[in-house]
Amino acid sequence: MALAEDPYREYTKTCFRISEVITREYSTSFFSATRLLDEESRRAIFNIYGFVRFADEIVDSFHHSDKQKLLDQFERDYYDALDQGISTNPVLHAFQRTVTTYGIEDAHVRAFLSSMRSDLNPVNYTGKADIDRYIYGSADVVGLMCLKIFCRENQQQYIELKEPAMRLGSAFQKVNFLRDLPKDIHQLNRRYFPELLQGDLDEGKKKAIVKEIEQDFNHAFKGVVKLPGRSRLAVYTAYLYYMSLLSKINKNPAEKILENRIRIPDWRKALLLLRAIIAYKLNII
């Protein structure tokens, strides 16, 4: 349904705007990359981000509330919104509009919510299959949701780019795991890397994890350069941000990564954005 044909047009526009504000307030890097998209894609990606961010917020931050109950209600409210075509929760209203408009698969939404549920309790992943399942739900399917927006009605292109999109989602998530190690271990009692079950992060473990992430990025890049239109610029910008963050993490000693959240300064982000724009304009990517 086009926005102009929406019987709740003004309300829907407001909900879209709220998702945009959520994206800007929670992730300046993701927001600045998404701003490079065309208007239609930009709205849809903001709506996806609002949904996944609030679900993640429930399990990561609402420690003084019944998180299980809140996540259950969030899921019920989403499916009610999908059924009714409207919700008084602005984030859910915006997301269900995007799901319906672009044909986002329900299996992907359910996989995401399943991974969020696994974060309700302390967790230590002991094997590759378990962590891969978690990453698929928490990150890979989000990449596939975004790919649906980028490919629009070109199903063949979507199929071709599915695997690289998933590998990029995996790479982003693993970088987040490394960046957020202090909070995950000391506050949330989570260890996403099986390597950390036999002691804290050391240089050998760090190098092995970084190498694995680099392989994900290398595979994902083959898909990034095939994305249509301005989605190629936006995703390439995010790719550069995360590659730069991984490089900085790799240069820091393991003990520092366990103590401090590694960040990319704003001036560096601005340079990476300029680099991405130049590469896009010159048709290098």
Protein backbone atom coordinates (compact mmCIF):
# COMPACT_ATOMS: atom_id res chain seq x y z
CA MET A 1 0.00 0.00 0.00
CA ALA A 2 1.37 3.38 -1.02
CA LEU A 3 1.50 5.98 1.71
CA ALA A 4 -0.85 8.22 -0.30
CA GLU A 5 -3.48 5.43 -0.21
CA ASP A 6 -3.10 4.71 3.51
CA PRO A 7 -6.34 5.46 5.42
CA TYR A 8 -4.15 6.28 8.43
CA ARG A 9 -1.77 8.40 6.38
CA GLU A 10 -0.97 11.13 8.92
CA TYR A 11 -0.62 8.66 11.75
CA THR A 12 1.58 6.39 9.63
CA LYS A 13 3.81 9.31 8.64
CA THR A 14 4.22 10.16 12.32
CA CYS A 15 5.11 6.55 13.17
CA PHE A 16 7.70 6.53 10.38
CA ARG A 17 9.17 9.71 11.82
CA ILE A 18 9.38 8.15 15.28
CA SER A 19 11.35 5.19 13.88
CA GLU A 20 13.72 7.67 12.26
CA VAL A 21 14.26 9.45 15.58
CA ILE A 22 14.91 6.11 17.32
CA THR A 23 17.56 5.26 14.73
CA ARG A 24 19.26 8.63 15.09
CA GLU A 25 19.27 8.51 18.90
CA TYR A 26 20.52 4.94 19.22
CA SER A 27 23.06 4.69 16.40
CA THR A 28 24.58 7.73 14.74
CA SER A 29 26.69 5.53 12.45
CA PHE A 30 23.75 3.48 11.17
CA PHE A 31 21.65 6.62 10.87
CA SER A 32 24.21 8.47 8.78
CA ALA A 33 24.65 5.47 6.47
CA THR A 34 20.89 5.01 6.08
CA ARG A 35 20.47 8.68 5.22
CA LEU A 36 22.32 7.97 1.98
CA LEU A 37 19.42 5.86 0.69
CA ASP A 38 16.55 7.06 -1.45
CA GLU A 39 13.57 8.31 0.57
CA GLU A 40 11.44 5.17 0.23
CA SER A 41 14.23 2.80 1.24
CA ARG A 42 15.33 5.10 4.03
CA ARG A 43 11.87 5.07 5.64
CA ALA A 44 11.63 1.30 5.44
CA ILE A 45 15.09 0.70 6.94
CA PHE A 46 14.33 3.11 9.80
CA ASN A 47 11.16 1.11 10.48
CA ILE A 48 13.10 -2.16 10.61
CA TYR A 49 15.70 -0.62 12.91
CA GLY A 50 13.03 0.71 15.29
CA PHE A 51 11.54 -2.76 15.68
CA VAL A 52 14.78 -4.65 16.22
CA ARG A 53 16.20 -1.93 18.47
CA PHE A 54 13.23 -1.95 20.84
CA ALA A 55 13.18 -5.75 21.07
CA ASP A 56 16.90 -5.68 21.81
CA GLU A 57 16.38 -2.91 24.34
CA ILE A 58 13.90 -5.05 26.26
CA VAL A 59 16.37 -7.91 26.75
CA ASP A 60 19.47 -5.75 27.25
CA SER A 61 18.29 -2.84 29.39
CA PHE A 62 14.97 -3.40 31.18
CA HIS A 63 16.59 -5.10 34.17
CA HIS A 64 14.09 -3.76 36.72
CA SER A 65 11.11 -5.12 34.83
CA ASP A 66 9.80 -8.53 33.84
CA LYS A 67 11.64 -8.79 30.52
CA GLN A 68 10.00 -12.09 29.59
CA LYS A 69 6.55 -10.57 30.02
CA LEU A 70 7.50 -7.44 28.09
CA LEU A 71 8.95 -9.39 25.17
CA ASP A 72 5.91 -11.68 25.08
CA GLN A 73 3.64 -8.64 24.96
CA PHE A 74 5.81 -6.99 22.31
CA GLU A 75 5.49 -10.08 20.12
CA ARG A 76 1.73 -10.40 20.66
CA ASP A 77 1.24 -6.72 19.89
CA TYR A 78 3.27 -7.07 16.69
CA TYR A 79 1.18 -9.95 15.37
CA ASP A 80 -1.99 -8.14 16.36
CA ALA A 81 -0.73 -5.10 14.43
CA LEU A 82 0.03 -7.30 11.43
CA ASP A 83 -3.46 -8.79 11.59
CA GLN A 84 -5.26 -5.46 12.08
CA GLY A 85 -3.05 -3.36 9.81
CA ILE A 86 -2.64 -0.78 12.56
CA SER A 87 -1.19 -0.44 16.06
CA THR A 88 -1.24 2.22 18.74
CA ASN A 89 2.44 1.33 19.27
CA PRO A 90 4.13 3.59 16.68
CA VAL A 91 7.16 1.32 16.25
CA LEU A 92 5.01 -1.75 15.61
CA HIS A 93 2.69 0.15 13.30
CA ALA A 94 5.60 1.36 11.20
CA PHE A 95 7.24 -2.07 11.11
CA GLN A 96 4.11 -3.99 10.15
CA ARG A 97 3.55 -1.54 7.30
CA THR A 98 7.05 -2.28 6.02
CA VAL A 99 6.60 -6.05 6.45
CA THR A 100 3.37 -5.96 4.45
CA THR A 101 4.60 -3.58 1.77
CA TYR A 102 7.82 -5.43 0.99
CA GLY A 103 6.80 -9.01 1.72
CA ILE A 104 9.27 -9.56 4.55
CA GLU A 105 9.13 -13.22 5.51
CA ASP A 106 7.51 -14.08 8.82
CA ALA A 107 10.13 -16.79 9.35
CA HIS A 108 12.74 -14.04 9.55
CA VAL A 109 10.76 -12.08 12.14
CA ARG A 110 10.26 -15.24 14.21
CA ALA A 111 13.95 -16.14 13.98
CA PHE A 112 14.85 -12.68 15.22
CA LEU A 113 12.46 -12.85 18.17
CA SER A 114 13.75 -16.33 19.02
CA SER A 115 17.31 -15.02 19.30
CA MET A 116 16.07 -12.15 21.46
CA ARG A 117 14.44 -14.70 23.77
CA SER A 118 17.73 -16.51 24.18
CA ASP A 119 19.17 -13.29 25.61
CA LEU A 120 16.64 -13.18 28.45
CA ASN A 121 18.94 -15.36 30.56
CA PRO A 122 22.71 -15.60 31.03
CA VAL A 123 24.19 -17.62 28.20
CA ASN A 124 27.50 -19.21 27.27
CA TYR A 125 27.69 -20.53 23.73
CA THR A 126 29.67 -23.75 23.68
CA GLY A 127 29.74 -24.62 19.99
CA LYS A 128 29.69 -23.14 16.52
CA ALA A 129 26.23 -24.47 15.65
CA ASP A 130 24.65 -22.76 18.66
CA ILE A 131 26.25 -19.37 18.09
CA ASP A 132 25.59 -19.55 14.35
CA ARG A 133 21.91 -20.14 15.11
CA TYR A 134 21.87 -17.12 17.41
CA ILE A 135 23.65 -14.89 14.90
CA TYR A 136 21.30 -16.01 12.14
CA GLY A 137 18.33 -14.82 14.18
CA SER A 138 19.86 -11.69 15.67
CA ALA A 139 21.69 -10.39 12.60
CA ASP A 140 21.51 -12.43 9.39
CA VAL A 141 17.74 -12.18 9.06
CA VAL A 142 17.88 -8.43 9.70
CA GLY A 143 20.24 -8.21 6.73
CA LEU A 144 17.71 -10.18 4.70
CA MET A 145 14.91 -7.84 5.75
CA CYS A 146 16.97 -4.90 4.51
CA LEU A 147 17.81 -6.76 1.31
CA LYS A 148 14.09 -7.11 0.63
CA ILE A 149 13.86 -3.33 0.66
CA PHE A 150 16.86 -2.84 -1.60
CA CYS A 151 15.80 -5.42 -4.19
CA ARG A 152 12.13 -4.41 -4.17
CA GLU A 153 10.35 -6.69 -6.63
CA ASN A 154 13.53 -8.17 -8.14
CA GLN A 155 13.30 -11.60 -6.55
CA GLN A 156 16.14 -13.02 -8.62
CA GLN A 157 18.50 -10.31 -7.37
CA TYR A 158 17.36 -10.96 -3.81
CA ILE A 159 18.13 -14.67 -4.15
CA GLU A 160 21.56 -13.92 -5.66
CA LEU A 161 22.52 -11.57 -2.83
CA LYS A 162 21.07 -13.50 0.11
CA GLU A 163 24.25 -15.26 1.18
CA PRO A 164 26.49 -12.15 1.04
CA ALA A 165 23.83 -10.21 2.97
CA MET A 166 23.82 -12.85 5.68
CA ARG A 167 27.61 -12.90 5.84
CA LEU A 168 27.63 -9.13 6.25
CA GLY A 169 25.07 -9.38 9.05
CA SER A 170 27.26 -12.00 10.73
CA ALA A 171 30.36 -9.82 10.40
CA PHE A 172 28.59 -6.78 11.86
CA GLN A 173 27.26 -8.83 14.78
CA LYS A 174 30.63 -10.40 15.60
CA VAL A 175 32.27 -6.97 15.58
CA ASN A 176 29.54 -5.83 17.97
CA PHE A 177 30.33 -8.81 20.21
CA LEU A 178 34.00 -7.78 20.38
CA ARG A 179 33.16 -4.13 20.93
CA ASP A 180 30.64 -4.92 23.69
CA LEU A 181 32.67 -7.58 25.53
CA PRO A 182 32.94 -5.57 28.79
CA LYS A 183 29.17 -5.13 29.09
CA ASP A 184 28.27 -8.60 27.84
CA ILE A 185 30.62 -10.39 30.23
CA HIS A 186 30.51 -8.21 33.34
CA GLN A 187 26.92 -6.91 33.27
CA LEU A 188 24.84 -9.31 31.18
CA ASN A 189 26.80 -12.51 31.87
CA ARG A 190 26.91 -13.50 28.22
CA ARG A 191 29.75 -15.08 26.29
CA TYR A 192 28.98 -15.27 22.61
CA PHE A 193 32.38 -16.60 21.56
CA PRO A 194 32.92 -20.28 22.53
CA GLU A 195 36.64 -19.45 22.80
CA LEU A 196 35.92 -17.47 25.97
CA LEU A 197 34.66 -20.48 27.91
CA GLN A 198 38.27 -21.53 28.54
CA GLY A 199 39.37 -18.24 30.06
CA ASP A 200 39.34 -14.57 29.11
CA LEU A 201 40.24 -13.15 25.75
CA ASP A 202 43.93 -13.27 24.92
CA GLU A 203 45.91 -12.26 21.84
CA GLY A 204 45.69 -15.69 20.24
CA LYS A 205 41.92 -15.91 20.63
CA LYS A 206 41.49 -12.32 19.47
CA LYS A 207 43.49 -12.92 16.28
CA ALA A 208 41.50 -16.06 15.48
CA ILE A 209 38.18 -14.26 15.97
CA VAL A 210 39.30 -11.28 13.88
CA LYS A 211 40.43 -13.60 11.07
CA GLU A 212 37.02 -15.26 11.03
CA ILE A 213 35.27 -11.89 10.83
CA GLU A 214 37.57 -10.75 8.03
CA GLN A 215 36.55 -13.83 6.05
CA ASP A 216 32.89 -12.87 6.53
CA PHE A 217 33.62 -9.34 5.33
CA ASN A 218 35.53 -10.57 2.28
CA HIS A 219 32.66 -12.79 1.22
CA ALA A 220 30.07 -10.11 1.95
CA PHE A 221 31.87 -7.52 -0.16
CA LYS A 222 31.11 -9.53 -3.29
CA GLY A 223 27.46 -8.78 -2.64
CA VAL A 224 27.88 -5.18 -1.52
CA VAL A 225 29.23 -4.15 -4.95
CA LYS A 226 26.19 -5.74 -6.65
CA LEU A 227 23.54 -3.90 -4.65
CA PRO A 228 21.24 -1.67 -6.68
CA GLY A 229 21.34 2.13 -6.71
CA ARG A 230 22.04 4.09 -3.57
CA SER A 231 21.74 0.99 -1.40
CA ARG A 232 25.26 0.14 -2.59
CA LEU A 233 26.55 3.46 -1.24
CA ALA A 234 24.75 3.16 2.09
CA VAL A 235 25.80 -0.43 2.75
CA TYR A 236 29.37 0.25 1.61
CA THR A 237 29.53 3.13 4.10
CA ALA A 238 28.41 0.85 6.92
CA TYR A 239 30.90 -1.75 5.68
CA LEU A 240 33.74 0.79 5.95
CA TYR A 241 32.63 1.85 9.44
CA TYR A 242 32.70 -1.72 10.71
CA MET A 243 35.92 -2.62 8.95
CA SER A 244 37.54 0.40 10.59
CA LEU A 245 36.16 -0.62 13.98
CA LEU A 246 37.46 -4.17 13.54
CA SER A 247 40.88 -2.83 12.59
CA LYS A 248 40.97 -0.66 15.71
CA ILE A 249 39.89 -3.57 17.90
CA ASN A 250 42.62 -5.72 16.37
CA LYS A 251 45.24 -3.08 17.13
CA ASN A 252 44.26 -2.87 20.79
CA PRO A 253 45.60 -5.40 23.31
CA ALA A 254 43.14 -8.06 24.41
CA GLU A 255 43.05 -6.83 28.00
CA LYS A 256 41.97 -3.37 26.89
CA ILE A 257 39.11 -4.81 24.80
CA LEU A 258 37.87 -6.55 27.96
CA GLU A 259 37.91 -3.28 29.89
CA ASN A 260 36.79 -0.59 27.45
CA ARG A 261 34.28 -0.27 24.63
CA ILE A 262 36.25 0.54 21.49
CA ARG A 263 34.83 3.39 19.39
CA ILE A 264 35.51 5.16 16.10
CA PRO A 265 35.82 8.97 16.57
CA ASP A 266 33.43 11.21 14.65
CA TRP A 267 36.21 12.71 12.52
CA ARG A 268 37.17 9.23 11.36
CA LYS A 269 33.56 8.42 10.51
CA ALA A 270 33.35 11.61 8.46
CA LEU A 271 36.45 10.60 6.47
CA LEU A 272 35.03 7.13 5.85
CA LEU A 273 31.77 8.66 4.64
CA LEU A 274 33.68 10.90 2.23
CA ARG A 275 35.68 7.91 1.00
CA ALA A 276 32.48 5.96 0.34
CA ILE A 277 30.84 8.84 -1.54
CA ILE A 278 33.90 9.37 -3.74
CA ALA A 279 34.12 5.65 -4.53
CA TYR A 280 30.42 5.59 -5.41
CA LYS A 281 30.60 8.71 -7.57
CA LEU A 282 33.63 7.37 -9.45
CA ASN A 283 31.86 4.02 -9.88
CA ILE A 284 34.71 2.23 -8.10
CA ILE A 285 32.24 0.21 -6.05
